[in-house]
Amino acid sequence: MQTVPPRPQAIPSINFDAIRRSSKDSTIQSHSVDGNTHYKITEDYSLTDALGRIEFIAEELLKDDLPLFDVQVTAGKAGVYSTPLSTALIEVLKTDVTVIHERFPFYVYHPYIAVFMRLAQKYDLYHWASIYHSLSNNERVDVARRVNHMCEALRDECRSKAFKKSMKGHLALVRKNHKSLHRYIDALFVTYARLLVIRIDLDYLKGAQPARDWTQARQHRKQIIVFINKELPRLLQSEFAQAAGQGSIKVPGYVICAEYGADAGWHFHVTLLLNGNDSCRSVDIARLVGEHWNKQIAQGVGRYYNCNAHPSKYKSWGIGDVHWWDMEKREGLRVAIAYFGKADYYGNGLIQGNDRFLSRGGMPREKKKLGRPRSAPSRVGVPEAPDLQGTALRAALLLPRIWQTEVPF
């Protein structure tokens, strides 16, 4: 006999006021009717939030075989007891995510989402979820059993060999990007004992045309790369090197990830990897890049976020000074870089062709090292190197999905 999960504690209601205050784009709107406040979730928020929730729910369902709803019969009368996960499922089914095909014509669903949506339609759950709160007790029992049957079917399909094969193909590009980026970072640490890691997020003002036009955004990305390779070294030389009596400053490496968010549109995550012996002024260098983006490239419709100016928010992401022997910071850097290597499902749904959303600098040339081998400071010691590649990959797959990711303004 299948074990029935215990009756859950009361589920707290969603604090819409807190969500609305934290929403930078007013994706949750309110209006007053007869003295009561009513809330409306706008389409962009509904789509991005629902897709992320569906994937999360599918992953949670695969962790066990318990029914999502607890249907119990007492004195000949059936009753339904919800769990936090079943409540979340009913709520997400109230959003018609199928309209994403209209807005993103080439969109390819994550395998979990594709299975979930197909089975939800098969069991007619979109209709019943939309009127769930007005259903009678018997009707709710019927919906609960439909949901439990859907969950059983989802588990069977997602555990099949065919599905696992499709998941493997789905993650192939992500794994390829991760391996390429990890080799790149490791090669830079072979050449440079200390890297100055600078992170800048670039995007557009709300309503700006390039935010929704990949042709313009792609051209802007090319201009960012030209600036990093040619103009930034000259700026660094004039701003910092001459004052310190140093020689020329170069930009050994960079990683640029283009992403599309349903709310923010096209935006770029830029990571600069400088020789840590050349400069330590990461905040000022990030400001140079951000101001050039605003004034010269985006020409007044751009904005930027200087991550290095807020180190407490990114202390585990390996920004600032990173020494070759500091495995904790290097692991954080790998996690951040692995995040850039994930698939952009929205971006891929907007364009056709083989455009790449991930760009990086060339591999550093191997130099013959003279003198004694490197040694870590004795006060720190060198811990056994963890499986950074595996750790970073797992962490990246657990980070918020692309449809939930916006530049943090």
Protein backbone atom coordinates (compact mmCIF):
# COMPACT_ATOMS: atom_id res chain seq x y z
CA MET A 1 0.00 0.00 0.00
CA GLN A 2 1.37 3.40 -1.00
CA THR A 3 2.31 5.66 1.88
CA VAL A 4 0.22 8.81 2.04
CA PRO A 5 2.18 11.94 2.88
CA PRO A 6 1.25 13.67 6.14
CA ARG A 7 -1.24 16.50 6.03
CA PRO A 8 0.75 19.70 5.46
CA GLN A 9 0.74 22.72 7.69
CA ALA A 10 -1.24 25.75 6.57
CA ILE A 11 0.32 27.31 3.48
CA PRO A 12 1.04 31.03 3.88
CA SER A 13 -0.56 33.30 1.32
CA ILE A 14 1.59 35.08 -1.24
CA ASN A 15 2.65 38.54 -0.13
CA PHE A 16 1.80 40.47 -3.29
CA ASP A 17 2.63 43.82 -1.65
CA ALA A 18 6.23 42.71 -1.02
CA ILE A 19 6.56 41.33 -4.54
CA ARG A 20 5.20 44.51 -6.07
CA ARG A 21 7.58 46.70 -4.06
CA SER A 22 10.54 44.63 -5.21
CA SER A 23 9.45 44.60 -8.87
CA LYS A 24 11.54 47.05 -10.87
CA ASP A 25 9.34 46.87 -13.96
CA SER A 26 5.93 46.94 -12.20
CA THR A 27 5.15 43.47 -13.55
CA ILE A 28 2.50 43.17 -10.84
CA GLN A 29 -0.09 45.93 -11.19
CA SER A 30 -2.85 46.84 -8.77
CA HIS A 31 -6.19 48.61 -9.04
CA SER A 32 -8.93 49.40 -6.54
CA VAL A 33 -12.53 48.26 -6.85
CA ASP A 34 -15.08 49.09 -4.12
CA GLY A 35 -12.28 49.89 -1.70
CA ASN A 36 -10.55 46.52 -2.23
CA THR A 37 -7.16 46.17 -3.91
CA HIS A 38 -6.96 43.68 -6.77
CA TYR A 39 -3.72 42.47 -8.32
CA LYS A 40 -2.96 41.60 -11.90
CA ILE A 41 0.22 39.84 -12.97
CA THR A 42 1.31 41.19 -16.36
CA GLU A 43 2.00 38.86 -19.27
CA ASP A 44 5.82 39.08 -19.20
CA TYR A 45 5.98 38.22 -15.50
CA SER A 46 3.45 35.41 -15.87
CA LEU A 47 5.34 33.73 -18.70
CA THR A 48 8.81 33.97 -17.23
CA ASP A 49 7.69 32.97 -13.77
CA ALA A 50 5.48 30.09 -14.95
CA LEU A 51 8.16 28.47 -17.10
CA GLY A 52 10.66 28.52 -14.26
CA ARG A 53 8.09 27.11 -11.83
CA ILE A 54 7.11 24.29 -14.22
CA GLU A 55 10.71 23.12 -14.52
CA PHE A 56 11.17 23.32 -10.75
CA ILE A 57 7.93 21.37 -10.10
CA ALA A 58 8.90 18.65 -12.58
CA GLU A 59 12.30 18.24 -10.92
CA GLU A 60 10.67 18.02 -7.47
CA LEU A 61 8.15 15.40 -8.64
CA LEU A 62 10.97 13.12 -9.78
CA LYS A 63 12.45 12.99 -6.28
CA ASP A 64 9.81 10.53 -5.00
CA ASP A 65 6.71 8.56 -6.02
CA LEU A 66 4.19 10.05 -3.60
CA PRO A 67 0.86 11.42 -4.87
CA LEU A 68 0.80 15.18 -5.11
CA PHE A 69 -2.67 15.47 -3.59
CA ASP A 70 -3.73 13.48 -0.54
CA VAL A 71 -7.28 12.22 -1.23
CA GLN A 72 -8.84 10.68 1.90
CA VAL A 73 -12.29 9.17 2.41
CA THR A 74 -13.90 9.63 5.82
CA ALA A 75 -17.44 8.41 6.62
CA GLY A 76 -18.09 7.91 2.93
CA LYS A 77 -17.05 11.45 2.02
CA ALA A 78 -13.84 12.19 0.11
CA GLY A 79 -11.62 15.09 1.05
CA VAL A 80 -8.60 16.69 -0.59
CA TYR A 81 -5.54 17.87 1.32
CA SER A 82 -3.07 20.03 -0.53
CA THR A 83 0.70 20.14 -0.26
CA PRO A 84 2.81 23.23 -0.97
CA LEU A 85 3.89 21.63 -4.25
CA SER A 86 0.32 20.82 -5.34
CA THR A 87 -0.72 24.40 -4.57
CA ALA A 88 2.17 25.68 -6.70
CA LEU A 89 1.16 23.36 -9.54
CA ILE A 90 -2.45 24.59 -9.56
CA GLU A 91 -1.26 28.20 -9.55
CA VAL A 92 1.15 27.69 -12.45
CA LEU A 93 -1.56 25.99 -14.53
CA LYS A 94 -3.57 29.20 -14.38
CA THR A 95 -1.04 30.85 -16.70
CA ASP A 96 -1.48 30.10 -20.40
CA VAL A 97 2.18 29.59 -21.25
CA THR A 98 1.27 28.33 -24.73
CA VAL A 99 1.18 31.97 -25.91
CA ILE A 100 4.96 31.88 -25.81
CA HIS A 101 4.84 30.39 -29.32
CA GLU A 102 3.33 33.63 -30.56
CA ARG A 103 5.99 35.84 -28.96
CA PHE A 104 8.98 33.51 -29.48
CA PRO A 105 8.30 31.67 -32.78
CA PHE A 106 11.44 29.48 -32.70
CA TYR A 107 11.30 28.66 -29.00
CA VAL A 108 12.21 25.11 -27.98
CA TYR A 109 10.86 24.04 -24.61
CA HIS A 110 13.06 22.48 -21.97
CA PRO A 111 12.22 18.70 -22.04
CA TYR A 112 10.64 18.86 -18.56
CA ILE A 113 8.41 21.74 -19.63
CA ALA A 114 7.38 20.03 -22.88
CA VAL A 115 6.29 16.86 -21.06
CA PHE A 116 4.50 18.80 -18.33
CA MET A 117 2.51 20.94 -20.75
CA ARG A 118 1.53 18.03 -22.98
CA LEU A 119 0.28 15.94 -20.04
CA ALA A 120 -1.51 18.92 -18.46
CA GLN A 121 -3.39 19.35 -21.71
CA LYS A 122 -4.12 15.62 -21.96
CA TYR A 123 -5.76 15.61 -18.51
CA ASP A 124 -7.55 18.94 -19.21
CA LEU A 125 -5.88 20.58 -16.22
CA TYR A 126 -5.57 24.07 -17.68
CA HIS A 127 -9.35 24.43 -17.69
CA TRP A 128 -9.93 22.98 -14.23
CA ALA A 129 -7.08 24.97 -12.64
CA SER A 130 -8.54 28.24 -13.93
CA ILE A 131 -11.79 27.62 -11.98
CA TYR A 132 -10.35 25.53 -9.14
CA HIS A 133 -11.34 27.87 -6.30
CA SER A 134 -15.00 27.84 -7.38
CA LEU A 135 -15.26 24.03 -7.64
CA SER A 136 -17.38 21.86 -5.36
CA ASN A 137 -15.73 19.34 -3.06
CA ASN A 138 -16.47 16.42 -5.44
CA GLU A 139 -15.08 18.34 -8.40
CA ARG A 140 -11.90 19.12 -6.47
CA VAL A 141 -11.51 15.42 -5.66
CA ASP A 142 -11.76 14.68 -9.40
CA VAL A 143 -9.14 17.35 -10.23
CA ALA A 144 -6.84 16.02 -7.48
CA ARG A 145 -7.02 12.53 -8.98
CA ARG A 146 -6.36 13.93 -12.46
CA VAL A 147 -3.28 15.73 -11.13
CA ASN A 148 -2.02 12.56 -9.40
CA HIS A 149 -2.47 10.57 -12.63
CA MET A 150 -0.62 13.28 -14.56
CA CYS A 151 2.25 13.16 -12.07
CA GLU A 152 2.50 9.37 -12.42
CA ALA A 153 2.64 9.71 -16.21
CA LEU A 154 5.25 12.49 -15.97
CA ARG A 155 7.46 10.37 -13.71
CA ASP A 156 7.20 7.36 -16.02
CA GLU A 157 8.10 9.39 -19.10
CA CYS A 158 10.91 11.42 -17.52
CA ARG A 159 12.54 8.25 -16.18
CA SER A 160 12.44 6.50 -19.55
CA LYS A 161 15.55 5.87 -21.65
CA ALA A 162 14.16 7.93 -24.54
CA PHE A 163 13.65 10.98 -22.31
CA LYS A 164 17.09 10.68 -20.73
CA LYS A 165 18.55 10.60 -24.24
CA SER A 166 16.70 13.81 -25.16
CA MET A 167 17.94 15.45 -21.96
CA LYS A 168 21.49 14.46 -22.83
CA GLY A 169 21.16 16.16 -26.20
CA HIS A 170 19.54 19.18 -24.61
CA LEU A 171 22.51 19.65 -22.27
CA ALA A 172 25.19 18.87 -24.88
CA LEU A 173 25.74 22.52 -25.83
CA VAL A 174 25.82 23.56 -22.18
CA ARG A 175 28.48 20.95 -21.38
CA LYS A 176 30.50 21.93 -24.45
CA ASN A 177 30.44 25.59 -23.41
CA HIS A 178 31.45 24.68 -19.86
CA LYS A 179 34.45 22.63 -20.99
CA SER A 180 35.61 25.36 -23.34
CA LEU A 181 35.34 28.06 -20.67
CA HIS A 182 37.01 25.95 -18.00
CA ARG A 183 39.98 25.24 -20.28
CA TYR A 184 40.17 28.96 -21.02
CA ILE A 185 40.24 29.99 -17.35
CA ASP A 186 42.79 27.31 -16.46
CA ALA A 187 45.05 28.40 -19.32
CA LEU A 188 44.95 32.00 -18.08
CA PHE A 189 45.98 30.90 -14.59
CA VAL A 190 48.91 29.00 -16.09
CA THR A 191 50.11 32.26 -17.66
CA TYR A 192 49.13 34.67 -14.85
CA ALA A 193 49.58 33.90 -11.16
CA ARG A 194 46.88 36.41 -10.23
CA LEU A 195 43.84 37.58 -12.22
CA LEU A 196 41.78 40.68 -11.62
CA VAL A 197 38.22 39.56 -12.41
CA ILE A 198 35.80 42.34 -13.35
CA ARG A 199 32.08 41.77 -13.97
CA ILE A 200 29.82 44.32 -15.70
CA ASP A 201 26.21 43.80 -16.78
CA LEU A 202 25.10 45.87 -19.77
CA ASP A 203 21.56 46.38 -20.98
CA TYR A 204 19.17 48.95 -22.40
CA LEU A 205 16.69 51.41 -20.97
CA LYS A 206 13.13 50.15 -20.94
CA GLY A 207 11.49 50.60 -24.33
CA ALA A 208 14.78 51.01 -26.25
CA GLN A 209 14.60 49.39 -29.69
CA PRO A 210 17.89 47.41 -29.52
CA ALA A 211 16.55 45.53 -26.48
CA ARG A 212 14.11 43.73 -28.81
CA ASP A 213 16.18 43.73 -32.02
CA TRP A 214 18.90 41.08 -32.21
CA THR A 215 20.44 42.66 -35.33
CA GLN A 216 21.21 45.86 -33.42
CA ALA A 217 22.16 44.04 -30.22
CA ARG A 218 24.56 41.78 -32.13
CA GLN A 219 26.23 44.82 -33.70
CA HIS A 220 26.61 46.33 -30.24
CA ARG A 221 28.23 43.12 -29.01
CA LYS A 222 30.80 43.39 -31.83
CA GLN A 223 31.52 46.95 -30.72
CA ILE A 224 32.01 45.77 -27.13
CA ILE A 225 34.59 43.20 -28.30
CA VAL A 226 36.44 45.79 -30.42
CA PHE A 227 36.48 48.18 -27.45
CA ILE A 228 37.88 45.51 -25.09
CA ASN A 229 40.60 44.43 -27.53
CA LYS A 230 41.70 47.80 -28.89
CA GLU A 231 40.43 50.84 -27.02
CA LEU A 232 40.33 49.62 -23.42
CA PRO A 233 44.10 48.87 -23.24
CA ARG A 234 44.81 52.45 -24.36
CA LEU A 235 42.39 53.84 -21.77
CA LEU A 236 43.97 51.71 -19.05
CA GLN A 237 47.40 52.92 -20.10
CA SER A 238 46.44 56.60 -19.93
CA GLU A 239 44.27 56.35 -16.80
CA PHE A 240 46.28 54.02 -14.59
CA ALA A 241 49.59 52.76 -15.96
CA GLN A 242 51.32 56.11 -16.56
CA ALA A 243 50.43 57.38 -13.10
CA ALA A 244 51.95 54.27 -11.57
CA GLY A 245 54.99 54.34 -13.83
CA GLN A 246 54.05 51.01 -15.44
CA GLY A 247 54.34 49.79 -18.99
CA SER A 248 51.39 48.99 -21.23
CA ILE A 249 48.36 47.25 -19.74
CA LYS A 250 46.74 44.47 -21.73
CA VAL A 251 43.43 42.64 -21.43
CA PRO A 252 44.47 38.97 -21.35
CA GLY A 253 40.94 37.57 -21.43
CA TYR A 254 37.21 38.22 -21.47
CA VAL A 255 33.91 36.34 -21.60
CA ILE A 256 30.72 37.94 -22.96
CA CYS A 257 27.34 36.26 -22.66
CA ALA A 258 24.36 37.65 -24.59
CA GLU A 259 20.99 36.81 -23.06
CA TYR A 260 17.36 37.63 -23.70
CA GLY A 261 14.99 38.26 -20.82
CA ALA A 262 11.26 38.60 -21.39
CA ASP A 263 11.26 41.84 -19.38
CA ALA A 264 14.72 43.33 -20.02
CA GLY A 265 15.17 42.13 -23.62
CA TRP A 266 18.72 41.65 -24.91
CA HIS A 267 21.51 42.28 -22.43
CA PHE A 268 25.13 41.27 -21.92
CA HIS A 269 27.11 39.85 -19.02
CA VAL A 270 30.75 40.87 -19.45
CA THR A 271 33.64 39.37 -17.47
CA LEU A 272 37.10 40.88 -17.92
CA LEU A 273 40.16 38.88 -16.86
CA LEU A 274 43.16 41.17 -16.35
CA ASN A 275 46.66 40.54 -15.09
CA GLY A 276 46.37 41.13 -11.35
CA ASN A 277 49.88 42.62 -11.27
CA ASP A 278 48.88 45.45 -13.64
CA SER A 279 46.10 47.04 -11.64
CA CYS A 280 43.83 46.54 -8.64
CA ARG A 281 41.28 49.25 -9.50
CA SER A 282 38.49 46.94 -10.59
CA VAL A 283 35.65 49.35 -9.77
CA ASP A 284 37.20 52.16 -11.85
CA ILE A 285 37.90 49.87 -14.80
CA ALA A 286 34.34 48.55 -14.75
CA ARG A 287 33.12 52.15 -14.71
CA LEU A 288 35.19 52.91 -17.83
CA VAL A 289 33.53 50.02 -19.66
CA GLY A 290 30.06 50.94 -18.46
CA GLU A 291 30.37 54.62 -19.40
CA HIS A 292 31.69 53.72 -22.86
CA TRP A 293 28.70 51.40 -23.32
CA ASN A 294 26.23 54.10 -22.30
CA LYS A 295 27.68 56.99 -24.31
CA GLN A 296 29.44 55.48 -27.32
CA ILE A 297 27.86 52.12 -28.09
CA ALA A 298 24.24 52.30 -26.87
CA GLN A 299 24.29 56.08 -27.48
CA GLY A 300 22.14 57.18 -24.58
CA VAL A 301 19.76 54.23 -24.35
CA GLY A 302 22.07 51.96 -22.36
CA ARG A 303 22.72 51.38 -18.68
CA TYR A 304 25.17 49.25 -16.74
CA TYR A 305 25.65 47.56 -13.39
CA ASN A 306 29.12 47.53 -11.83
CA CYS A 307 29.27 44.23 -9.92
CA ASN A 308 32.71 44.99 -8.48
CA ALA A 309 31.26 48.05 -6.75
CA HIS A 310 29.05 45.68 -4.74
CA PRO A 311 31.46 42.91 -3.67
CA SER A 312 29.25 41.66 -0.83
CA LYS A 313 26.62 40.56 -3.35
CA TYR A 314 29.13 38.60 -5.41
CA LYS A 315 31.66 37.45 -2.79
CA SER A 316 31.18 33.78 -3.75
CA TRP A 317 31.36 34.47 -7.51
CA GLY A 318 35.11 34.95 -7.76
CA ILE A 319 35.34 38.66 -8.66
CA GLY A 320 38.20 40.95 -7.72
CA ASP A 321 41.68 39.52 -7.07
CA VAL A 322 41.88 35.77 -7.66
CA HIS A 323 45.22 34.01 -7.03
CA TRP A 324 46.09 30.75 -8.77
CA TRP A 325 46.34 28.94 -5.40
CA ASP A 326 42.99 30.25 -4.03
CA MET A 327 40.81 27.25 -4.86
CA GLU A 328 37.73 28.71 -3.16
CA LYS A 329 37.72 31.83 -5.32
CA ARG A 330 38.64 29.87 -8.43
CA GLU A 331 35.68 27.59 -7.82
CA GLY A 332 33.42 30.65 -7.48
CA LEU A 333 34.78 32.00 -10.76
CA ARG A 334 34.08 28.67 -12.45
CA VAL A 335 30.51 28.67 -11.16
CA ALA A 336 29.96 32.19 -12.50
CA ILE A 337 31.50 31.33 -15.87
CA ALA A 338 29.52 28.07 -16.03
CA TYR A 339 26.34 30.11 -15.58
CA PHE A 340 27.26 32.05 -18.72
CA GLY A 341 27.61 28.77 -20.60
CA LYS A 342 24.02 27.65 -20.07
CA ALA A 343 21.53 27.54 -22.91
CA ASP A 344 19.52 30.68 -23.70
CA TYR A 345 16.12 29.23 -24.50
CA TYR A 346 14.43 32.58 -25.06
CA GLY A 347 17.27 33.88 -27.23
CA ASN A 348 17.28 30.72 -29.33
CA GLY A 349 13.54 31.10 -29.74
CA LEU A 350 13.85 34.55 -31.28
CA ILE A 351 16.38 33.97 -34.03
CA GLN A 352 17.23 31.45 -36.68
CA GLY A 353 20.69 30.40 -37.75
CA ASN A 354 23.86 29.61 -35.84
CA ASP A 355 24.47 32.88 -34.00
CA ARG A 356 26.53 32.36 -30.88
CA PHE A 357 25.48 33.99 -27.65
CA LEU A 358 28.79 33.25 -25.92
CA SER A 359 32.05 35.00 -26.88
CA ARG A 360 35.48 34.76 -25.29
CA GLY A 361 39.02 35.88 -25.97
CA GLY A 362 41.68 33.75 -27.61
CA MET A 363 43.61 31.11 -25.69
CA PRO A 364 46.82 32.54 -24.21
CA ARG A 365 50.06 31.43 -25.79
CA GLU A 366 52.04 28.98 -23.73
CA LYS A 367 55.21 30.56 -22.44
CA LYS A 368 58.35 28.86 -21.22
CA LYS A 369 58.61 29.50 -17.49
CA LEU A 370 62.04 30.32 -16.09
CA GLY A 371 63.03 30.12 -12.46
CA ARG A 372 61.63 27.99 -9.67
CA PRO A 373 58.07 26.63 -9.74
CA ARG A 374 55.22 28.55 -8.13
CA SER A 375 54.51 27.98 -4.47
CA ALA A 376 51.51 29.10 -2.46
CA PRO A 377 51.99 31.26 0.69
CA SER A 378 52.81 28.96 3.59
CA ARG A 379 50.25 30.68 5.83
CA VAL A 380 47.49 29.65 3.46
CA GLY A 381 48.53 26.25 2.24
CA VAL A 382 47.20 24.62 -0.87
CA PRO A 383 44.14 22.43 -0.26
CA GLU A 384 43.56 19.44 -2.45
CA ALA A 385 41.99 20.77 -5.64
CA PRO A 386 38.28 19.91 -5.76
CA ASP A 387 36.46 18.74 -8.87
CA LEU A 388 35.89 22.32 -9.98
CA GLN A 389 34.49 21.46 -13.38
CA GLY A 390 31.88 19.09 -11.97
CA THR A 391 31.03 21.43 -9.11
CA ALA A 392 30.61 24.42 -11.41
CA LEU A 393 28.46 22.47 -13.86
CA ARG A 394 26.14 21.23 -11.13
CA ALA A 395 25.90 24.68 -9.60
CA ALA A 396 25.10 26.30 -12.95
CA LEU A 397 22.28 23.88 -13.58
CA LEU A 398 20.80 24.79 -10.19
CA LEU A 399 20.97 28.55 -10.78
CA PRO A 400 17.84 30.46 -11.86
CA ARG A 401 16.87 29.68 -15.44
CA ILE A 402 17.29 32.11 -18.28
CA TRP A 403 13.67 33.24 -18.21
CA GLN A 404 14.10 34.32 -14.59
CA THR A 405 17.35 36.16 -15.16
CA GLU A 406 17.45 39.94 -15.48
CA VAL A 407 20.22 42.47 -15.03
CA PRO A 408 20.02 43.47 -11.30
CA PHE A 409 19.11 47.17 -11.45
